[in-house]
Protein backbone atom coordinates (compact mmCIF):
# COMPACT_ATOMS: atom_id res chain seq x y z
CA MET A 1 81.72 73.00 123.76
CA LYS A 2 80.16 76.38 123.70
CA PRO A 3 79.75 77.64 120.15
CA LEU A 4 82.05 80.30 119.24
CA ASN A 5 81.40 83.58 117.36
CA ILE A 6 83.67 83.46 114.50
CA LEU A 7 84.60 86.21 111.84
CA HIS A 8 86.55 85.16 108.58
CA VAL A 9 88.03 88.17 106.73
CA GLY A 10 89.76 88.25 103.37
CA ASN A 11 90.04 90.02 99.98
CA HIS A 12 86.81 87.72 98.41
CA THR A 13 84.78 84.79 98.39
CA LEU A 14 82.25 82.70 96.34
CA PRO A 15 80.95 83.62 93.89
CA CYS A 16 84.47 85.36 93.29
CA ILE A 17 86.59 82.29 91.47
CA GLY A 18 89.92 81.15 93.02
CA GLY A 19 91.48 79.00 95.75
CA VAL A 20 91.72 81.41 98.68
CA GLU A 21 88.07 82.60 98.02
CA ARG A 22 86.70 78.96 98.11
CA VAL A 23 88.62 78.26 101.29
CA ILE A 24 86.72 81.20 103.14
CA TRP A 25 83.55 79.69 102.30
CA GLU A 26 84.26 76.18 102.87
CA SER A 27 85.85 76.91 106.32
CA ALA A 28 83.00 79.13 107.34
CA ARG A 29 80.30 76.49 106.08
CA GLU A 30 82.00 73.84 107.86
CA GLN A 31 82.60 75.59 110.89
CA ALA A 32 78.80 76.55 110.97
CA ARG A 33 77.67 73.22 110.30
CA LYS A 34 79.79 72.33 113.64
CA GLY A 35 77.21 74.40 115.29
CA HIS A 36 79.32 78.15 115.35
CA CYS A 37 78.00 81.08 114.76
CA VAL A 38 79.83 82.17 111.58
CA SER A 39 80.36 85.23 109.37
CA ILE A 40 82.57 86.23 106.61
CA MET A 41 83.38 89.69 105.39
CA VAL A 42 85.19 90.71 102.24
CA PHE A 43 85.03 93.21 99.48
CA SER A 44 82.21 93.79 97.67
CA SER A 45 83.01 93.10 94.08
CA CYS A 46 85.42 90.34 92.61
CA THR A 47 88.90 91.08 91.29
CA SER A 48 87.88 90.52 87.62
CA LYS A 49 84.68 91.91 87.63
CA ASN A 50 83.46 95.72 87.90
CA GLY A 51 79.80 95.08 89.47
CA ASN A 52 79.42 95.03 92.88
CA LEU A 53 77.65 92.01 94.95
CA PRO A 54 75.04 92.55 97.72
CA SER A 55 76.43 93.96 100.57
CA LEU A 56 74.73 91.23 102.92
CA GLU A 57 73.93 87.45 102.09
CA GLU A 58 72.84 84.80 104.20
CA LYS A 59 73.99 81.20 103.02
CA GLU A 60 73.71 78.12 104.47
CA ASP A 61 73.75 79.44 108.00
CA VAL A 62 76.71 81.85 107.39
CA THR A 63 76.18 85.44 107.01
CA ILE A 64 78.42 87.22 104.28
CA HIS A 65 79.17 90.94 104.64
CA ARG A 66 80.34 92.69 101.70
CA VAL A 67 82.13 96.08 102.21
CA PRO A 68 83.83 98.75 99.63
CA GLY A 69 87.48 99.03 99.30
CA LYS A 70 90.11 101.64 98.86
CA GLY A 71 93.51 101.92 97.24
CA PRO A 72 95.20 100.10 94.53
CA SER A 73 94.25 95.99 94.15
CA PHE A 74 97.32 94.75 95.86
CA TYR A 75 96.50 96.78 98.83
CA ARG A 76 92.86 97.27 99.17
CA ILE A 77 91.86 99.06 102.55
CA PRO A 78 88.11 98.03 103.94
CA PRO A 79 86.12 100.41 105.84
CA ILE A 80 88.33 100.52 109.13
CA GLY A 81 85.07 101.48 111.31
CA VAL A 82 82.87 98.83 110.06
CA LEU A 83 85.67 95.90 110.01
CA LEU A 84 86.31 96.92 113.76
CA HIS A 85 82.57 97.26 114.81
CA HIS A 86 82.16 93.21 113.60
CA ALA A 87 85.27 92.46 114.96
CA ARG A 88 84.21 93.54 118.64
CA GLU A 89 81.22 91.01 118.57
CA LYS A 90 83.20 88.20 117.82
CA ASP A 91 85.28 85.44 120.06
CA VAL A 92 87.43 84.68 116.91
CA ILE A 93 88.71 86.76 113.96
CA HIS A 94 90.44 84.72 111.23
CA VAL A 95 92.25 86.29 108.80
CA HIS A 96 93.04 85.08 105.17
CA GLY A 97 96.27 86.21 103.62
CA PHE A 98 98.71 89.21 104.24
CA GLY A 99 97.47 92.68 103.45
CA ALA A 100 95.13 95.63 105.06
CA TRP A 101 92.98 93.18 106.65
CA LEU A 102 95.59 92.01 109.01
CA ASP A 103 97.38 94.94 109.11
CA ILE A 104 94.14 97.03 110.37
CA LEU A 105 93.11 94.43 112.78
CA ALA A 106 96.72 94.25 114.27
CA LEU A 107 96.95 97.93 114.82
CA PHE A 108 93.55 98.51 116.35
CA LYS A 109 93.93 95.15 118.63
CA PHE A 110 93.26 97.00 121.32
CA SER A 111 90.08 97.80 120.51
CA TYR A 112 88.44 94.34 120.63
CA ALA A 113 88.85 91.15 122.83
CA GLY A 114 88.67 88.42 119.78
CA LYS A 115 91.26 86.35 119.18
CA LEU A 116 93.14 87.15 116.36
CA PHE A 117 94.33 84.05 113.94
CA LEU A 118 96.10 84.16 110.27
CA THR A 119 96.09 81.61 107.32
CA THR A 120 99.04 82.72 105.25
CA HIS A 121 97.85 81.24 101.85
CA GLY A 122 101.04 81.43 100.01
CA GLY A 123 102.36 84.75 101.30
CA PHE A 124 102.30 87.23 98.70
CA TYR A 125 104.77 86.39 96.34
CA HIS A 126 102.93 84.98 93.29
CA THR A 127 104.67 87.00 90.82
CA PRO A 128 107.84 89.33 90.31
CA ALA A 129 105.76 92.44 90.21
CA ARG A 130 106.29 95.05 92.92
CA ALA A 131 108.96 92.97 94.34
CA LEU A 132 110.58 96.02 96.21
CA VAL A 133 107.27 96.86 97.41
CA LYS A 134 106.56 93.23 98.72
CA SER A 135 110.10 93.14 100.41
CA ILE A 136 109.47 96.47 102.21
CA TYR A 137 106.28 95.21 103.45
CA ARG A 138 107.41 91.75 104.26
CA PHE A 139 110.53 93.05 106.51
CA LEU A 140 108.75 96.27 107.96
CA ILE A 141 105.23 95.52 108.39
CA ILE A 142 104.45 92.05 108.30
CA PRO A 143 106.52 91.70 112.17
CA PHE A 144 104.58 94.49 113.67
CA SER A 145 101.06 92.80 112.15
CA LEU A 146 102.11 89.33 113.37
CA PHE A 147 102.64 90.24 116.99
CA PRO A 148 99.03 90.12 118.17
CA VAL A 149 98.00 87.22 116.24
CA ARG A 150 97.30 84.14 118.38
CA THR A 151 98.49 81.64 116.14
CA ILE A 152 99.59 81.63 112.11
CA PHE A 153 98.61 78.68 110.14
CA CYS A 154 100.88 77.98 107.27
CA VAL A 155 99.18 76.12 104.59
CA GLY A 156 102.67 74.49 103.59
CA GLU A 157 106.47 74.23 104.50
CA GLY A 158 107.03 77.09 102.09
CA ASP A 159 104.81 79.56 103.74
CA LYS A 160 106.95 79.78 106.91
CA GLN A 161 109.38 81.98 105.11
CA PHE A 162 107.09 84.87 105.33
CA VAL A 163 106.94 84.35 109.30
CA PRO A 164 109.96 85.52 111.13
CA SER A 165 111.71 83.53 113.40
CA TYR A 166 110.93 84.86 116.41
CA PHE A 167 107.12 84.30 115.70
CA LYS A 168 107.90 80.53 115.36
CA SER A 169 106.32 79.58 118.57
CA LYS A 170 103.13 80.19 117.58
CA THR A 171 103.57 79.17 113.89
CA VAL A 172 101.79 75.86 112.79
CA VAL A 173 101.30 74.06 109.33
CA ILE A 174 97.68 73.26 108.65
CA PRO A 175 96.83 72.81 105.24
CA ASN A 176 93.49 74.17 103.38
CA GLY A 177 90.95 71.25 103.14
CA ILE A 178 89.74 69.94 100.22
CA VAL A 179 86.11 68.73 99.05
CA VAL A 180 87.05 65.12 98.01
CA SER A 181 84.78 63.84 95.46
CA GLY A 182 83.20 60.33 95.09
CA GLU A 183 85.23 57.12 94.10
CA LYS A 184 85.43 58.54 90.60
CA HIS A 185 88.32 57.28 88.90
CA VAL A 186 89.52 54.71 91.75
CA GLY A 187 89.87 51.02 90.77
CA ARG A 188 88.42 52.10 87.09
CA GLU A 189 90.31 50.19 84.57
CA LYS A 190 90.54 52.33 81.03
CA THR A 191 91.90 51.11 77.82
CA PHE A 192 93.30 53.76 76.29
CA LYS A 193 94.23 52.00 72.95
CA LYS A 194 90.17 52.12 72.49
CA LYS A 195 89.19 55.72 73.88
CA PRO A 196 90.88 59.24 74.11
CA PHE A 197 93.01 60.20 76.83
CA HIS A 198 91.37 62.95 78.64
CA LEU A 199 93.87 65.51 80.50
CA LEU A 200 92.46 68.31 82.28
CA PHE A 201 93.13 71.92 83.16
CA LEU A 202 91.44 73.36 85.91
CA GLY A 203 91.65 76.92 87.26
CA ARG A 204 91.79 80.69 86.19
CA LEU A 205 93.17 81.58 83.33
CA SER A 206 95.94 84.15 84.48
CA SER A 207 99.54 84.67 83.75
CA ASN A 208 100.99 82.41 86.40
CA LYS A 209 99.10 79.43 85.21
CA HIS A 210 101.06 79.20 81.74
CA VAL A 211 98.23 77.77 79.62
CA GLU A 212 100.37 78.63 76.81
CA VAL A 213 102.87 76.33 78.01
CA LEU A 214 100.52 73.08 78.45
CA ILE A 215 99.21 74.06 74.28
CA ASP A 216 103.01 73.62 73.55
CA VAL A 217 103.52 70.36 75.31
CA ILE A 218 100.11 69.07 73.98
CA GLN A 219 101.28 69.96 70.45
CA ASP A 220 104.29 67.76 70.91
CA LEU A 221 102.20 65.11 72.34
CA HIS A 222 99.45 65.24 69.73
CA SER A 223 102.27 63.89 67.40
CA LEU A 224 103.29 61.28 70.14
CA GLU A 225 99.54 60.09 70.97
CA PRO A 226 97.03 61.66 68.61
CA ARG A 227 94.19 60.37 71.17
CA ALA A 228 95.12 62.57 73.79
CA ARG A 229 92.89 65.54 74.53
CA LEU A 230 93.16 68.46 76.74
CA HIS A 231 90.24 70.22 78.53
CA ILE A 232 90.70 73.82 79.57
CA THR A 233 88.30 75.35 82.15
CA GLY A 234 88.16 78.50 84.03
CA GLU A 235 87.47 82.28 84.63
CA ASP A 236 89.38 84.82 81.84
CA TRP A 237 90.93 86.58 84.50
CA GLU A 238 93.50 88.44 82.31
CA GLY A 239 91.60 88.53 78.85
CA LEU A 240 94.06 85.88 77.72
CA ARG A 241 91.77 83.32 76.28
CA SER A 242 91.38 84.97 72.73
CA SER A 243 95.02 84.91 72.14
CA LEU A 244 95.09 81.37 73.51
CA GLU A 245 92.25 79.96 71.04
CA GLU A 246 94.06 81.89 68.18
CA LYS A 247 97.13 79.95 69.17
CA VAL A 248 95.50 76.58 69.35
CA THR A 249 93.82 77.18 65.72
CA LYS A 250 97.19 78.49 64.43
CA LEU A 251 98.48 74.85 65.73
CA GLY A 252 95.75 73.08 64.03
CA LEU A 253 94.68 71.40 67.36
CA LEU A 254 90.87 72.60 67.25
CA ASN A 255 89.93 69.01 67.81
CA THR A 256 92.52 68.48 70.50
CA ILE A 257 92.49 71.35 72.91
CA ILE A 258 88.70 72.35 73.82
CA PHE A 259 87.90 75.51 76.02
CA HIS A 260 85.28 75.29 78.13
CA GLY A 261 85.26 78.63 80.04
CA LYS A 262 83.96 79.49 83.38
CA ILE A 263 81.42 76.31 84.43
CA SER A 264 79.23 75.36 87.26
CA ASP A 265 80.40 72.88 90.09
CA ALA A 266 78.41 70.48 88.71
CA GLU A 267 79.87 70.60 85.21
CA THR A 268 83.30 70.84 86.95
CA GLY A 269 82.45 67.53 89.02
CA LYS A 270 81.29 65.64 85.43
CA LEU A 271 84.87 66.84 83.73
CA LEU A 272 86.87 65.57 86.57
CA ASN A 273 85.03 62.32 86.43
CA GLU A 274 85.53 61.83 82.87
CA SER A 275 89.25 63.19 82.95
CA ASP A 276 92.19 60.37 83.38
CA ALA A 277 94.83 63.06 84.43
CA PHE A 278 95.40 66.74 85.33
CA VAL A 279 98.02 68.99 84.00
CA SER A 280 99.72 71.95 85.32
CA ALA A 281 102.52 74.26 84.23
CA SER A 282 102.14 76.98 86.72
CA SER A 283 105.09 79.03 87.94
CA TYR A 284 103.35 79.36 91.23
CA GLU A 285 100.89 78.29 93.69
CA GLY A 286 99.71 79.25 96.96
CA PHE A 287 98.26 76.21 98.03
CA GLY A 288 97.41 74.19 94.45
CA MET A 289 93.68 73.39 95.42
CA THR A 290 92.72 72.38 91.94
CA ALA A 291 95.79 70.07 91.67
CA LEU A 292 94.60 68.24 94.95
CA GLU A 293 90.83 68.39 94.17
CA ALA A 294 91.92 66.51 91.20
CA MET A 295 93.71 63.73 92.71
CA GLY A 296 90.89 63.54 95.18
CA ALA A 297 88.71 62.80 91.75
CA GLY A 298 91.23 60.13 90.82
CA CYS A 299 93.16 62.07 88.16
CA ILE A 300 96.79 61.37 87.50
CA PRO A 301 98.52 64.65 88.32
CA PHE A 302 101.56 66.05 85.95
CA LEU A 303 102.68 69.02 87.54
CA SER A 304 105.45 72.01 87.22
CA PRO A 305 108.59 71.38 89.47
CA ILE A 306 107.24 74.11 92.12
CA PRO A 307 107.89 73.40 95.79
CA THR A 308 104.28 73.07 96.43
CA PHE A 309 103.61 70.40 93.63
CA LYS A 310 106.83 68.55 94.27
CA GLU A 311 105.47 67.72 97.82
CA PHE A 312 102.18 66.28 96.07
CA VAL A 313 103.50 63.84 93.90
CA GLN A 314 106.08 62.14 96.22
CA LYS A 315 106.26 58.32 96.72
CA ASP A 316 104.75 57.81 93.03
CA ARG A 317 101.35 59.78 93.58
CA GLY A 318 102.20 61.73 90.14
CA PHE A 319 105.11 63.26 87.73
CA ILE A 320 106.72 66.12 87.66
CA LEU A 321 107.05 67.69 84.01
CA ASP A 322 109.84 69.65 82.70
CA VAL A 323 107.76 72.50 81.40
CA GLU A 324 110.61 74.54 79.98
CA THR A 325 110.90 71.97 77.58
CA PRO A 326 107.47 71.33 76.22
CA SER A 327 108.74 68.11 74.12
CA SER A 328 110.02 66.48 77.34
CA ALA A 329 106.87 67.19 79.06
CA ALA A 330 105.03 65.47 76.10
CA ARG A 331 107.28 62.47 76.23
CA GLU A 332 106.57 61.74 79.99
CA ILE A 333 103.07 61.91 79.67
CA ALA A 334 103.14 59.66 76.62
CA ARG A 335 105.46 57.64 78.67
CA VAL A 336 102.66 57.18 81.84
CA LEU A 337 99.81 56.64 78.78
CA ASN A 338 101.47 53.55 77.97
CA PHE A 339 101.48 52.16 81.60
CA SER A 340 99.17 49.26 82.32
CA PRO A 341 95.59 49.73 83.21
CA ALA A 342 96.45 48.58 86.58
CA LYS A 343 99.43 50.54 87.04
CA LYS A 344 97.48 54.01 86.37
CA ASN A 345 94.90 52.60 88.47
CA ALA A 346 97.11 52.25 91.69
CA ILE A 347 98.62 55.79 91.02
CA ARG A 348 95.33 57.49 91.03
CA ALA A 349 94.63 55.09 94.15
CA ARG A 350 97.59 56.73 96.27
CA ALA A 351 96.92 60.13 94.85
CA ARG A 352 93.39 59.95 96.18
CA ALA A 353 94.42 58.41 99.10
CA TYR A 354 96.58 60.84 99.84
CA VAL A 355 94.15 63.71 99.80
CA VAL A 356 91.80 61.97 101.90
CA ASP A 357 94.08 61.34 104.55
CA HIS A 358 95.55 64.89 104.76
CA PHE A 359 92.98 67.32 103.47
CA SER A 360 89.53 66.53 104.72
CA TRP A 361 87.81 69.51 105.85
CA GLU A 362 86.79 67.79 109.06
CA SER A 363 90.15 67.18 109.98
CA VAL A 364 91.29 70.76 109.31
CA ILE A 365 88.37 72.47 111.08
CA GLU A 366 88.72 70.25 114.05
CA LYS A 367 92.54 71.35 114.00
CA GLN A 368 91.52 75.11 113.45
CA VAL A 369 88.81 75.08 116.33
CA ASN A 370 91.40 73.57 118.94
CA TYR A 371 93.68 76.36 118.18
CA TYR A 372 91.11 78.72 118.51
CA THR A 373 89.71 77.28 121.96
CA GLY A 374 93.36 76.69 123.26
CA LYS A 375 93.05 73.02 123.16
CA ALA A 376 95.80 72.39 120.81
CA PRO A 377 99.39 72.05 121.93
CA ALA A 378 101.82 74.96 121.88
CA ALA A 379 102.29 75.60 117.82
CA ARG A 380 105.72 74.57 116.60
CA VAL A 381 107.81 74.41 113.61
């Protein structure tokens, strides 16, 4: 197959922190490894930082272009001329998420020949904020912007709600890929009676993650099983860490709940390797990448009852917590802690096998490229 000239566009990629940011990078890197000519165009600054990143960067055979954006944070507009200039040189333009990137490329589709693709990444109802604006955008703008899109990649069944029914013929579910760690916990027996049971929260500190709820859960769990430990990692996007640490101090849990802040990939891998379970009280996840990464590392998942997570833990791969009642969530975690080592290892193995079978990057990229080239069957839902 002739190598494709591919452009990925979206709000941010690495070193900015987040699930979509990582997916844009991993998609581009894996496609470059397959021999395609791949570039990325994103905004020049991360959401949580004021400083600008380099306007041009070459990394692992991927060219990253960073451009300034104008407008509010929820609808930043890239320089139209620069975007269209790069689009005209490409065979494939792959947009990540709804917003100005997609709307501009749809409006000016007549000016470039490349095929336009979209990954939905959970839509845009991440929080109740600006609900009226979001509804107007969903019902008036999105139908227009989806018209020239060749194929719409939904990352999960829930994303189909953002796609009007008359575009179903070009809609397909392709989940994001996951970098699966080594064997780690799988098959490893652990005797909880001798060592602490380490729970891990992995992700940025933002309001939708509800880390304060996890602290309440651990407070109740501490009275049931004092050897449980919670490790909290992630960049402080919304200035929440100080209030969370103050809460931990007031509850007397300084030796039970440990804040690690933003850490490197190597440090993340070490924590995943040392952790027995992953916990999340999230009220919204577009994809749930960190939960899947933890499952892939052999961590038992304890998750909030949102649709994305319910799918992950089917067939005894993990547990849904009643996070609105911390005492109930704590009892559920304590119950699982008392499972035999063999039973816990079986749960870990099922969780990891699910991630390996469904979310490997090699499989995801193969499916995407087949749609790029027209080799895939007609999209269907």
